[in-house]
């Protein structure tokens, strides 16, 4: 009996010791309570800084961005009246042009046409046509007299056809417009009558189902005469 009582007392001591250690190590109420004011103060400061930054954005940046957007839209609507004319497209070539172009720098209206012996070739249309012709050749090689042996053979043919059609579509939907150096060296600016001014360049290209005219007005940059100190 004495032995059993001693065992019970030892277990009770271990439980008390374990519970005491757990409450000190895991809860540590004194440390948590002391840190609460510090954490609360830090959060308040951070929130105040964020509110100040947000109010600054609303007051300063939003109106600045809206003003830039407004200027862009005004310039776009004004540019709609700067180019007027008629173009004739035959196949992949622009054969005739009669265009009035208002130059923004001097408000001068330029009138130009293609020379009678010149045409503007649109390589996009030619490339798209070549891809469509390749798709037609693939289909023609498997006419009604051809006997397909497997479904996989049909799928292979259709994949090849769709590849050519996708390339044709991409050539028209993602135009690779010429850079200004490419335009300057292409000789295309010499096909207009009367000759275009040296500071104006134009480019024609296809975008989706639209024929687009890009107008570039060049400005000479003044050399920087400020000497480094």
C-alpha atoms as a PDB file:
ATOM      1  CA  UNK A   1       0.000   0.000   0.000  1.00  0.00           C
ATOM      2  CA  UNK A   2       2.788   2.439   0.836  1.00  0.00           C
ATOM      3  CA  UNK A   3       4.467   1.621  -2.427  1.00  0.00           C
ATOM      4  CA  UNK A   4       1.315   2.427  -4.376  1.00  0.00           C
ATOM      5  CA  UNK A   5       0.888   5.759  -2.603  1.00  0.00           C
ATOM      6  CA  UNK A   6       4.471   6.715  -3.399  1.00  0.00           C
ATOM      7  CA  UNK A   7       3.948   5.906  -7.064  1.00  0.00           C
ATOM      8  CA  UNK A   8       0.816   8.070  -7.229  1.00  0.00           C
ATOM      9  CA  UNK A   9       2.604  10.974  -5.597  1.00  0.00           C
ATOM     10  CA  UNK A  10       5.498  10.733  -8.088  1.00  0.00           C
ATOM     11  CA  UNK A  11       3.084  10.793 -11.061  1.00  0.00           C
ATOM     12  CA  UNK A  12       1.297  13.809  -9.593  1.00  0.00           C
ATOM     13  CA  UNK A  13       4.632  15.643  -9.226  1.00  0.00           C
ATOM     14  CA  UNK A  14       5.564  14.903 -12.840  1.00  0.00           C
ATOM     15  CA  UNK A  15       2.189  16.182 -14.067  1.00  0.00           C
ATOM     16  CA  UNK A  16       2.527  19.363 -12.060  1.00  0.00           C
ATOM     17  CA  UNK A  17       6.063  19.905 -13.303  1.00  0.00           C
ATOM     18  CA  UNK A  18       5.125  19.297 -16.932  1.00  0.00           C
ATOM     19  CA  UNK A  19       2.117  21.585 -16.753  1.00  0.00           C
ATOM     20  CA  UNK A  20       4.156  24.320 -15.165  1.00  0.00           C
ATOM     21  CA  UNK A  21       6.902  24.096 -17.808  1.00  0.00           C
ATOM     22  CA  UNK A  22       4.350  24.078 -20.639  1.00  0.00           C
ATOM     23  CA  UNK A  23       2.629  27.189 -19.380  1.00  0.00           C
ATOM     24  CA  UNK A  24       5.959  29.016 -19.093  1.00  0.00           C
ATOM     25  CA  UNK A  25       7.497  27.878 -22.396  1.00  0.00           C
ATOM     26  CA  UNK A  26       4.447  27.927 -24.653  1.00  0.00           C
ATOM     27  CA  UNK A  27       2.206  30.638 -23.261  1.00  0.00           C
ATOM     28  CA  UNK A  28       4.709  32.999 -21.644  1.00  0.00           C
ATOM     29  CA  UNK A  29       1.911  35.385 -20.619  1.00  0.00           C
ATOM     30  CA  UNK A  30       4.181  38.084 -19.222  1.00  0.00           C
ATOM     31  CA  UNK A  31       6.121  38.446 -22.535  1.00  0.00           C
ATOM     32  CA  UNK A  32       2.978  38.425 -24.701  1.00  0.00           C
ATOM     33  CA  UNK A  33       1.221  41.047 -22.637  1.00  0.00           C
ATOM     34  CA  UNK A  34       4.273  43.321 -22.663  1.00  0.00           C
ATOM     35  CA  UNK A  35       4.614  43.129 -26.476  1.00  0.00           C
ATOM     36  CA  UNK A  36       0.963  43.914 -27.280  1.00  0.00           C
ATOM     37  CA  UNK A  37       1.296  47.712 -26.979  1.00  0.00           C
ATOM     38  CA  UNK A  38       4.446  47.679 -29.144  1.00  0.00           C
ATOM     39  CA  UNK A  39       2.799  45.598 -31.903  1.00  0.00           C
ATOM     40  CA  UNK A  40      -0.330  47.729 -31.821  1.00  0.00           C
ATOM     41  CA  UNK A  41       1.669  50.944 -32.092  1.00  0.00           C
ATOM     42  CA  UNK A  42       3.715  49.584 -35.020  1.00  0.00           C
ATOM     43  CA  UNK A  43       0.558  48.578 -36.879  1.00  0.00           C
ATOM     44  CA  UNK A  44      -0.946  52.003 -36.357  1.00  0.00           C
ATOM     45  CA  UNK A  45       2.157  53.712 -37.727  1.00  0.00           C
ATOM     46  CA  UNK A  46       2.246  51.421 -40.774  1.00  0.00           C
ATOM     47  CA  UNK A  47      -1.441  52.013 -41.439  1.00  0.00           C
ATOM     48  CA  UNK A  48      -0.986  55.766 -41.160  1.00  0.00           C
ATOM     49  CA  UNK A  49       1.884  55.669 -43.685  1.00  0.00           C
ATOM     50  CA  UNK A  50      -0.157  53.594 -46.137  1.00  0.00           C
ATOM     51  CA  UNK A  51      -3.136  55.945 -45.858  1.00  0.00           C
ATOM     52  CA  UNK A  52      -0.869  58.945 -46.453  1.00  0.00           C
ATOM     53  CA  UNK A  53       0.619  57.324 -49.574  1.00  0.00           C
ATOM     54  CA  UNK A  54      -2.840  56.399 -50.862  1.00  0.00           C
ATOM     55  CA  UNK A  55      -4.140  59.940 -50.370  1.00  0.00           C
ATOM     56  CA  UNK A  56      -1.086  61.267 -52.213  1.00  0.00           C
ATOM     57  CA  UNK A  57      -1.809  58.949 -55.152  1.00  0.00           C
ATOM     58  CA  UNK A  58      -5.432  60.107 -55.274  1.00  0.00           C
ATOM     59  CA  UNK A  59      -4.438  63.761 -55.141  1.00  0.00           C
ATOM     60  CA  UNK A  60      -1.352  63.852 -57.367  1.00  0.00           C
ATOM     61  CA  UNK A  61      -0.967  60.790 -59.604  1.00  0.00           C
ATOM     62  CA  UNK A  62      -4.544  59.983 -60.647  1.00  0.00           C
ATOM     63  CA  UNK A  63      -5.189  63.372 -62.262  1.00  0.00           C
ATOM     64  CA  UNK A  64      -1.784  63.300 -63.931  1.00  0.00           C
ATOM     65  CA  UNK A  65      -2.513  59.923 -65.533  1.00  0.00           C
ATOM     66  CA  UNK A  66      -6.006  61.018 -66.564  1.00  0.00           C
ATOM     67  CA  UNK A  67      -4.545  64.144 -68.175  1.00  0.00           C
ATOM     68  CA  UNK A  68      -2.066  62.034 -70.174  1.00  0.00           C
ATOM     69  CA  UNK A  69      -4.880  59.757 -71.348  1.00  0.00           C
ATOM     70  CA  UNK A  70      -6.960  62.771 -72.322  1.00  0.00           C
ATOM     71  CA  UNK A  71      -4.098  64.220 -74.371  1.00  0.00           C
ATOM     72  CA  UNK A  72      -3.596  60.891 -76.165  1.00  0.00           C
ATOM     73  CA  UNK A  73      -7.287  60.625 -77.048  1.00  0.00           C
ATOM     74  CA  UNK A  74      -7.373  64.239 -78.278  1.00  0.00           C
ATOM     75  CA  UNK A  75      -4.337  63.630 -80.462  1.00  0.00           C
ATOM     76  CA  UNK A  76      -5.936  60.461 -81.843  1.00  0.00           C
ATOM     77  CA  UNK A  77      -9.210  62.167 -82.727  1.00  0.00           C
ATOM     78  CA  UNK A  78      -7.340  65.076 -84.303  1.00  0.00           C
ATOM     79  CA  UNK A  79      -5.237  62.707 -86.406  1.00  0.00           C
ATOM     80  CA  UNK A  80      -8.390  61.242 -87.966  1.00  0.00           C
ATOM     81  CA  UNK A  81      -8.806  64.481 -89.945  1.00  0.00           C
ATOM     82  CA  UNK A  82      -5.161  64.692 -91.019  1.00  0.00           C
ATOM     83  CA  UNK A  83      -5.261  61.948 -93.654  1.00  0.00           C
ATOM     84  CA  UNK A  84      -7.871  61.603 -96.372  1.00  0.00           C
ATOM     85  CA  UNK A  85      -7.725  59.883 -99.705  1.00  0.00           C
ATOM     86  CA  UNK A  86      -8.508  56.963-101.987  1.00  0.00           C
ATOM     87  CA  UNK A  87      -6.411  53.839-102.578  1.00  0.00           C
ATOM     88  CA  UNK A  88      -6.849  51.116-105.175  1.00  0.00           C
ATOM     89  CA  UNK A  89      -5.789  47.593-104.198  1.00  0.00           C
ATOM     90  CA  UNK A  90      -5.446  44.948-106.904  1.00  0.00           C
ATOM     91  CA  UNK A  91      -4.260  41.594-105.628  1.00  0.00           C
ATOM     92  CA  UNK A  92      -1.224  42.214-103.466  1.00  0.00           C
ATOM     93  CA  UNK A  93      -0.397  45.639-104.993  1.00  0.00           C
ATOM     94  CA  UNK A  94      -1.597  49.168-104.397  1.00  0.00           C
ATOM     95  CA  UNK A  95      -1.887  50.471-107.947  1.00  0.00           C
ATOM     96  CA  UNK A  96      -3.278  53.961-107.364  1.00  0.00           C
ATOM     97  CA  UNK A  97      -3.215  56.479-104.539  1.00  0.00           C
ATOM     98  CA  UNK A  98      -4.719  59.929-104.174  1.00  0.00           C
ATOM     99  CA  UNK A  99      -4.036  61.168-100.657  1.00  0.00           C
ATOM    100  CA  UNK A 100      -4.215  64.481 -98.825  1.00  0.00           C
ATOM    101  CA  UNK A 101      -1.964  64.643 -95.790  1.00  0.00           C
ATOM    102  CA  UNK A 102      -1.976  67.459 -93.255  1.00  0.00           C
ATOM    103  CA  UNK A 103       1.447  67.922 -91.689  1.00  0.00           C
ATOM    104  CA  UNK A 104       1.050  68.864 -88.032  1.00  0.00           C
ATOM    105  CA  UNK A 105       4.287  70.853 -87.790  1.00  0.00           C
ATOM    106  CA  UNK A 106       3.319  73.470 -90.378  1.00  0.00           C
ATOM    107  CA  UNK A 107      -0.405  72.727 -90.894  1.00  0.00           C
ATOM    108  CA  UNK A 108       0.482  72.335 -94.586  1.00  0.00           C
ATOM    109  CA  UNK A 109      -1.691  69.987 -96.635  1.00  0.00           C
ATOM    110  CA  UNK A 110       0.297  67.682 -98.900  1.00  0.00           C
ATOM    111  CA  UNK A 111      -1.309  66.061-101.919  1.00  0.00           C
ATOM    112  CA  UNK A 112       0.496  63.109-103.459  1.00  0.00           C
ATOM    113  CA  UNK A 113      -0.164  60.237-105.845  1.00  0.00           C
ATOM    114  CA  UNK A 114       1.665  57.176-107.066  1.00  0.00           C
ATOM    115  CA  UNK A 115       3.702  57.604-110.201  1.00  0.00           C
ATOM    116  CA  UNK A 116       2.130  55.879-113.185  1.00  0.00           C
ATOM    117  CA  UNK A 117       5.004  53.414-113.443  1.00  0.00           C
ATOM    118  CA  UNK A 118       5.042  52.494-109.736  1.00  0.00           C
ATOM    119  CA  UNK A 119       3.048  50.142-107.519  1.00  0.00           C
ATOM    120  CA  UNK A 120       3.285  49.483-103.789  1.00  0.00           C
ATOM    121  CA  UNK A 121       3.659  45.735-103.228  1.00  0.00           C
ATOM    122  CA  UNK A 122       2.141  44.408-100.002  1.00  0.00           C
ATOM    123  CA  UNK A 123       4.327  41.448 -99.111  1.00  0.00           C
ATOM    124  CA  UNK A 124       1.879  40.373 -96.399  1.00  0.00           C
ATOM    125  CA  UNK A 125      -0.804  39.545 -98.960  1.00  0.00           C
ATOM    126  CA  UNK A 126       1.680  37.727-101.191  1.00  0.00           C
ATOM    127  CA  UNK A 127       2.938  35.618 -98.274  1.00  0.00           C
ATOM    128  CA  UNK A 128      -0.601  34.792 -97.142  1.00  0.00           C
ATOM    129  CA  UNK A 129      -1.523  33.776-100.690  1.00  0.00           C
ATOM    130  CA  UNK A 130       1.534  31.505-100.895  1.00  0.00           C
ATOM    131  CA  UNK A 131       0.496  29.707 -97.694  1.00  0.00           C
ATOM    132  CA  UNK A 132      -3.067  29.245 -98.984  1.00  0.00           C
ATOM    133  CA  UNK A 133      -1.716  27.837-102.270  1.00  0.00           C
ATOM    134  CA  UNK A 134       0.405  25.338-100.335  1.00  0.00           C
ATOM    135  CA  UNK A 135      -2.698  24.229 -98.427  1.00  0.00           C
ATOM    136  CA  UNK A 136      -4.527  23.749-101.741  1.00  0.00           C
ATOM    137  CA  UNK A 137      -1.667  21.667-103.109  1.00  0.00           C
ATOM    138  CA  UNK A 138      -1.818  19.389-100.066  1.00  0.00           C
ATOM    139  CA  UNK A 139      -5.545  18.865-100.577  1.00  0.00           C
ATOM    140  CA  UNK A 140      -5.123  18.295-104.317  1.00  0.00           C
ATOM    141  CA  UNK A 141      -2.551  15.557-103.671  1.00  0.00           C
ATOM    142  CA  UNK A 142      -5.259  13.553-101.925  1.00  0.00           C
ATOM    143  CA  UNK A 143      -8.136  13.725-104.382  1.00  0.00           C
ATOM    144  CA  UNK A 144     -11.092  11.325-104.623  1.00  0.00           C
ATOM    145  CA  UNK A 145      -8.964   8.634-106.264  1.00  0.00           C
ATOM    146  CA  UNK A 146      -6.695   8.407-103.220  1.00  0.00           C
ATOM    147  CA  UNK A 147      -7.542   5.741-100.630  1.00  0.00           C
ATOM    148  CA  UNK A 148      -6.770   6.648 -97.022  1.00  0.00           C
ATOM    149  CA  UNK A 149      -5.563   3.628 -95.070  1.00  0.00           C
ATOM    150  CA  UNK A 150      -5.770   4.934 -91.481  1.00  0.00           C
ATOM    151  CA  UNK A 151      -7.375   7.719 -89.520  1.00  0.00           C
ATOM    152  CA  UNK A 152      -3.918   8.881 -88.472  1.00  0.00           C
ATOM    153  CA  UNK A 153      -3.126   9.575 -92.137  1.00  0.00           C
ATOM    154  CA  UNK A 154      -6.162  11.845 -92.380  1.00  0.00           C
ATOM    155  CA  UNK A 155      -5.154  13.670 -89.220  1.00  0.00           C
ATOM    156  CA  UNK A 156      -1.640  14.179 -90.564  1.00  0.00           C
ATOM    157  CA  UNK A 157      -2.978  15.727 -93.764  1.00  0.00           C
ATOM    158  CA  UNK A 158      -5.351  18.049 -91.918  1.00  0.00           C
ATOM    159  CA  UNK A 159      -2.608  19.143 -89.509  1.00  0.00           C
ATOM    160  CA  UNK A 160      -0.417  20.132 -92.451  1.00  0.00           C
ATOM    161  CA  UNK A 161      -3.290  22.025 -94.105  1.00  0.00           C
ATOM    162  CA  UNK A 162      -4.199  23.859 -90.904  1.00  0.00           C
ATOM    163  CA  UNK A 163      -0.558  24.795 -90.360  1.00  0.00           C
ATOM    164  CA  UNK A 164      -0.444  26.603 -93.702  1.00  0.00           C
ATOM    165  CA  UNK A 165      -3.772  28.328 -93.060  1.00  0.00           C
ATOM    166  CA  UNK A 166      -2.618  29.453 -89.617  1.00  0.00           C
ATOM    167  CA  UNK A 167       0.553  30.901 -91.119  1.00  0.00           C
ATOM    168  CA  UNK A 168      -1.523  32.766 -93.699  1.00  0.00           C
ATOM    169  CA  UNK A 169      -3.767  34.210 -90.990  1.00  0.00           C
ATOM    170  CA  UNK A 170      -0.839  35.203 -88.785  1.00  0.00           C
ATOM    171  CA  UNK A 171       0.813  37.010 -91.679  1.00  0.00           C
ATOM    172  CA  UNK A 172      -2.222  39.282 -91.904  1.00  0.00           C
ATOM    173  CA  UNK A 173      -3.050  39.638 -88.198  1.00  0.00           C
ATOM    174  CA  UNK A 174       0.494  40.323 -86.949  1.00  0.00           C
ATOM    175  CA  UNK A 175       2.055  42.597 -89.563  1.00  0.00           C
ATOM    176  CA  UNK A 176       5.810  43.090 -89.547  1.00  0.00           C
ATOM    177  CA  UNK A 177       5.937  46.797 -90.358  1.00  0.00           C
ATOM    178  CA  UNK A 178       9.160  48.201 -91.763  1.00  0.00           C
ATOM    179  CA  UNK A 179      11.409  50.296 -89.566  1.00  0.00           C
ATOM    180  CA  UNK A 180      12.292  53.873 -90.531  1.00  0.00           C
ATOM    181  CA  UNK A 181      15.799  52.918 -91.745  1.00  0.00           C
ATOM    182  CA  UNK A 182      14.245  50.161 -93.867  1.00  0.00           C
ATOM    183  CA  UNK A 183      11.750  52.613 -95.343  1.00  0.00           C
ATOM    184  CA  UNK A 184      14.482  55.152 -96.046  1.00  0.00           C
ATOM    185  CA  UNK A 185      16.597  52.641 -97.974  1.00  0.00           C
ATOM    186  CA  UNK A 186      13.759  50.804 -99.725  1.00  0.00           C
ATOM    187  CA  UNK A 187      13.213  53.414-102.426  1.00  0.00           C
ATOM    188  CA  UNK A 188       9.465  53.434-101.741  1.00  0.00           C
ATOM    189  CA  UNK A 189       9.478  57.148-100.953  1.00  0.00           C
ATOM    190  CA  UNK A 190      10.542  57.827-104.574  1.00  0.00           C
ATOM    191  CA  UNK A 191       7.329  56.458-106.055  1.00  0.00           C
ATOM    192  CA  UNK A 192       5.222  59.513-105.233  1.00  0.00           C
ATOM    193  CA  UNK A 193       4.357  62.439-107.445  1.00  0.00           C
ATOM    194  CA  UNK A 194       5.135  65.127-106.507  1.00  0.00           C
ATOM    195  CA  UNK A 195       8.068  63.881-104.404  1.00  0.00           C
ATOM    196  CA  UNK A 196       7.385  63.781-100.695  1.00  0.00           C
ATOM    197  CA  UNK A 197       9.304  66.139 -98.386  1.00  0.00           C
ATOM    198  CA  UNK A 198      12.456  64.688 -96.892  1.00  0.00           C
ATOM    199  CA  UNK A 199      11.072  64.835 -93.358  1.00  0.00           C
ATOM    200  CA  UNK A 200       7.891  62.842 -94.128  1.00  0.00           C
ATOM    201  CA  UNK A 201       7.685  59.079 -94.639  1.00  0.00           C
ATOM    202  CA  UNK A 202       4.696  56.776 -95.093  1.00  0.00           C
ATOM    203  CA  UNK A 203       4.096  53.051 -94.936  1.00  0.00           C
ATOM    204  CA  UNK A 204       1.173  50.847 -96.001  1.00  0.00           C
ATOM    205  CA  UNK A 205       0.393  47.521 -94.351  1.00  0.00           C
ATOM    206  CA  UNK A 206      -2.448  45.108 -93.606  1.00  0.00           C
ATOM    207  CA  UNK A 207      -3.833  44.638 -90.102  1.00  0.00           C
ATOM    208  CA  UNK A 208      -6.620  42.058 -89.884  1.00  0.00           C
ATOM    209  CA  UNK A 209      -9.094  43.143 -92.583  1.00  0.00           C
ATOM    210  CA  UNK A 210      -7.927  46.765 -92.745  1.00  0.00           C
ATOM    211  CA  UNK A 211      -5.486  48.547 -95.002  1.00  0.00           C
ATOM    212  CA  UNK A 212      -3.455  50.886 -92.797  1.00  0.00           C
ATOM    213  CA  UNK A 213      -1.415  53.959 -93.621  1.00  0.00           C
ATOM    214  CA  UNK A 214       1.311  54.991 -91.173  1.00  0.00           C
ATOM    215  CA  UNK A 215       2.685  58.524 -91.458  1.00  0.00           C
ATOM    216  CA  UNK A 216       6.014  59.510 -89.897  1.00  0.00           C
ATOM    217  CA  UNK A 217       7.193  63.098 -89.547  1.00  0.00           C
ATOM    218  CA  UNK A 218      10.890  63.283 -88.788  1.00  0.00           C
ATOM    219  CA  UNK A 219      12.514  65.865 -86.555  1.00  0.00           C
ATOM    220  CA  UNK A 220      16.214  66.613 -86.437  1.00  0.00           C
ATOM    221  CA  UNK A 221      17.600  66.370 -82.922  1.00  0.00           C
ATOM    222  CA  UNK A 222      19.708  69.323 -81.911  1.00  0.00           C
ATOM    223  CA  UNK A 223      23.186  68.336 -80.716  1.00  0.00           C
ATOM    224  CA  UNK A 224      23.814  68.638 -77.017  1.00  0.00           C
ATOM    225  CA  UNK A 225      26.360  71.441 -76.599  1.00  0.00           C
ATOM    226  CA  UNK A 226      26.538  71.182 -72.835  1.00  0.00           C
ATOM    227  CA  UNK A 227      30.020  70.099 -71.799  1.00  0.00           C
ATOM    228  CA  UNK A 228      30.395  67.528 -69.105  1.00  0.00           C
ATOM    229  CA  UNK A 229      32.017  68.883 -65.976  1.00  0.00           C
END
